C-alpha cells in the first residue's frame, strides 16, 4: 500500500481542528445562555453578549467559510495524483494558520490575526495552482 498523501493526513488533522473550534465556540455560549436553552429548540433566537463567546463563534464561522475549499482541494490533489511537493507544504501551512487564527482572534491580536488569515488564503491558492497546473 502506498503511503498516504500529506494532504490527506492534514485533512484528518483538520477535522480535529474543526472539532476543537466547535467546542471553543459552543462552551462559552452554553455557559452564557444556559444548557437548557442550548439543548432546547432555540425558537427564540438569543445571542451571547460576552466577548469570548462572540469571538470564538466568529472564528469558528470563519473556519467554516474556507473549510469546504480546503477539503475539496486536498481530496482533488490526492485523487488526481498531484499531491505532494508545494501542495503538501501549503496544506500544512493552511492547517497551522487556521490553528493559530482562533486564539489570535479570541485574545484580540487584530493585525496578527489578519496576517494569519491571509497566509491561510495564500496556502489555499497554492493548492489550487498545483491542482490546475
Protein backbone atom coordinates (compact mmCIF):
# COMPACT_ATOMS: atom_id res chain seq x y z
CA UNK A 1 0.00 0.00 0.00
CA UNK A 2 1.50 3.37 -1.00
CA UNK A 3 1.93 5.97 1.73
CA UNK A 4 -0.96 8.31 2.33
CA UNK A 5 -0.51 11.76 0.74
CA UNK A 6 0.34 14.55 3.18
CA UNK A 7 -2.76 16.42 2.09
CA UNK A 8 -4.97 13.55 3.30
CA UNK A 9 -3.14 13.34 6.63
CA UNK A 10 -3.58 17.10 7.05
CA UNK A 11 -7.25 16.67 6.11
CA UNK A 12 -7.59 14.27 9.03
CA UNK A 13 -5.93 16.75 11.39
CA UNK A 14 -8.19 19.48 10.04
CA UNK A 15 -11.16 17.53 11.37
CA UNK A 16 -9.50 17.62 14.80
CA UNK A 17 -9.17 21.40 14.41
CA UNK A 18 -12.82 21.63 13.37
CA UNK A 19 -13.96 19.73 16.47
CA UNK A 20 -11.73 21.78 18.80
CA UNK A 21 -13.02 25.06 17.37
CA UNK A 22 -16.59 23.81 17.54
CA UNK A 23 -16.12 23.20 21.27
CA UNK A 24 -14.33 26.53 21.70
CA UNK A 25 -17.35 28.21 20.18
CA UNK A 26 -20.04 26.21 21.97
CA UNK A 27 -18.74 26.00 25.53
CA UNK A 28 -18.72 29.75 26.35
CA UNK A 29 -22.02 30.19 24.53
CA UNK A 30 -23.60 27.40 26.57
CA UNK A 31 -22.16 28.86 29.77
CA UNK A 32 -23.64 32.24 28.93
CA UNK A 33 -27.02 31.23 27.51
CA UNK A 34 -27.53 28.16 29.68
CA UNK A 35 -27.66 24.48 28.96
CA UNK A 36 -31.47 24.39 28.87
CA UNK A 37 -31.54 26.95 26.07
CA UNK A 38 -28.77 25.22 24.12
CA UNK A 39 -30.43 21.81 24.50
CA UNK A 40 -33.85 23.16 23.59
CA UNK A 41 -35.32 24.05 20.20
CA UNK A 42 -33.99 27.65 20.33
CA UNK A 43 -37.25 29.01 18.90
CA UNK A 44 -36.46 32.39 20.41
CA UNK A 45 -33.09 33.43 18.98
CA UNK A 46 -30.59 34.58 21.59
CA UNK A 47 -27.01 35.54 21.03
CA UNK A 48 -24.29 35.61 23.64
CA UNK A 49 -23.14 39.05 24.73
CA UNK A 50 -19.72 38.07 26.07
CA UNK A 51 -16.61 38.87 24.09
CA UNK A 52 -15.07 35.40 24.36
CA UNK A 53 -18.23 33.62 23.20
CA UNK A 54 -18.70 36.02 20.30
CA UNK A 55 -15.11 35.89 19.15
CA UNK A 56 -14.91 32.10 19.42
CA UNK A 57 -18.14 31.80 17.44
CA UNK A 58 -16.95 34.20 14.73
CA UNK A 59 -13.58 32.43 14.47
CA UNK A 60 -15.40 29.12 14.02
CA UNK A 61 -17.68 30.57 11.34
CA UNK A 62 -14.60 31.96 9.59
CA UNK A 63 -13.08 28.47 9.54
CA UNK A 64 -16.30 27.10 8.05
CA UNK A 65 -16.13 29.65 5.23
CA UNK A 66 -12.87 28.26 3.83
CA UNK A 67 -13.05 24.67 5.08
CA UNK A 68 -15.01 23.29 2.10
CA UNK A 69 -12.38 24.70 -0.27
CA UNK A 70 -9.60 23.06 1.72
CA UNK A 71 -11.39 19.71 1.83
CA UNK A 72 -12.11 19.82 -1.89
CA UNK A 73 -8.56 20.79 -2.78
CA UNK A 74 -6.96 18.18 -0.52
CA UNK A 75 -9.15 15.42 -1.95
CA UNK A 76 -8.75 16.59 -5.55
CA UNK A 77 -4.97 16.72 -5.20
CA UNK A 78 -4.89 13.19 -3.82
CA UNK A 79 -7.30 11.79 -6.41
CA UNK A 80 -5.54 13.37 -9.38
CA UNK A 81 -2.09 12.30 -8.22
CA UNK A 82 -0.95 15.90 -7.86
CA UNK A 83 -0.42 15.65 -4.12
CA UNK A 84 2.98 16.32 -2.65
CA UNK A 85 5.59 19.00 -3.19
CA UNK A 86 4.47 22.54 -2.59
CA UNK A 87 0.81 21.45 -2.39
CA UNK A 88 1.63 19.30 0.63
CA UNK A 89 3.56 22.17 2.20
CA UNK A 90 0.65 24.51 1.51
CA UNK A 91 -1.79 22.15 3.19
CA UNK A 92 0.38 22.06 6.32
CA UNK A 93 0.68 25.86 6.26
CA UNK A 94 -3.11 26.14 5.92
CA UNK A 95 -3.64 23.92 8.96
CA UNK A 96 -1.09 25.78 11.09
CA UNK A 97 -2.51 29.16 10.07
CA UNK A 98 -6.07 28.06 10.83
CA UNK A 99 -4.97 26.64 14.20
CA UNK A 100 -3.39 30.00 15.07
CA UNK A 101 -6.31 32.08 13.82
CA UNK A 102 -8.83 31.28 16.58
CA UNK A 103 -6.55 32.05 19.55
CA UNK A 104 -5.36 35.25 17.87
CA UNK A 105 -8.98 36.27 17.35
CA UNK A 106 -10.11 35.30 20.85
CA UNK A 107 -7.29 37.12 22.65
CA UNK A 108 -7.63 40.10 20.29
CA UNK A 109 -4.46 40.43 18.27
CA UNK A 110 -6.02 42.06 15.20
CA UNK A 111 -3.14 42.52 12.75
CA UNK A 112 -1.57 39.16 13.56
CA UNK A 113 -4.98 37.54 13.09
CA UNK A 114 -5.37 39.22 9.69
CA UNK A 115 -1.90 38.18 8.57
CA UNK A 116 -2.53 34.58 9.61
CA UNK A 117 -5.84 34.60 7.75
CA UNK A 118 -4.08 35.90 4.63
CA UNK A 119 -1.41 33.19 4.93
CA UNK A 120 -4.13 30.55 5.07
CA UNK A 121 -5.71 32.05 1.95
CA UNK A 122 -2.36 32.00 0.12
CA UNK A 123 -1.99 28.35 1.09
CA UNK A 124 -5.35 27.55 -0.50
CA UNK A 125 -4.33 29.44 -3.62
CA UNK A 126 -1.07 27.47 -3.81
CA UNK A 127 -3.02 24.22 -3.54
CA UNK A 128 -5.38 25.40 -6.29
CA UNK A 129 -2.48 26.37 -8.56
CA UNK A 130 -0.95 22.91 -8.11
CA UNK A 131 -4.28 21.26 -8.87
CA UNK A 132 -4.81 23.31 -12.03
CA UNK A 133 -1.24 23.03 -13.32
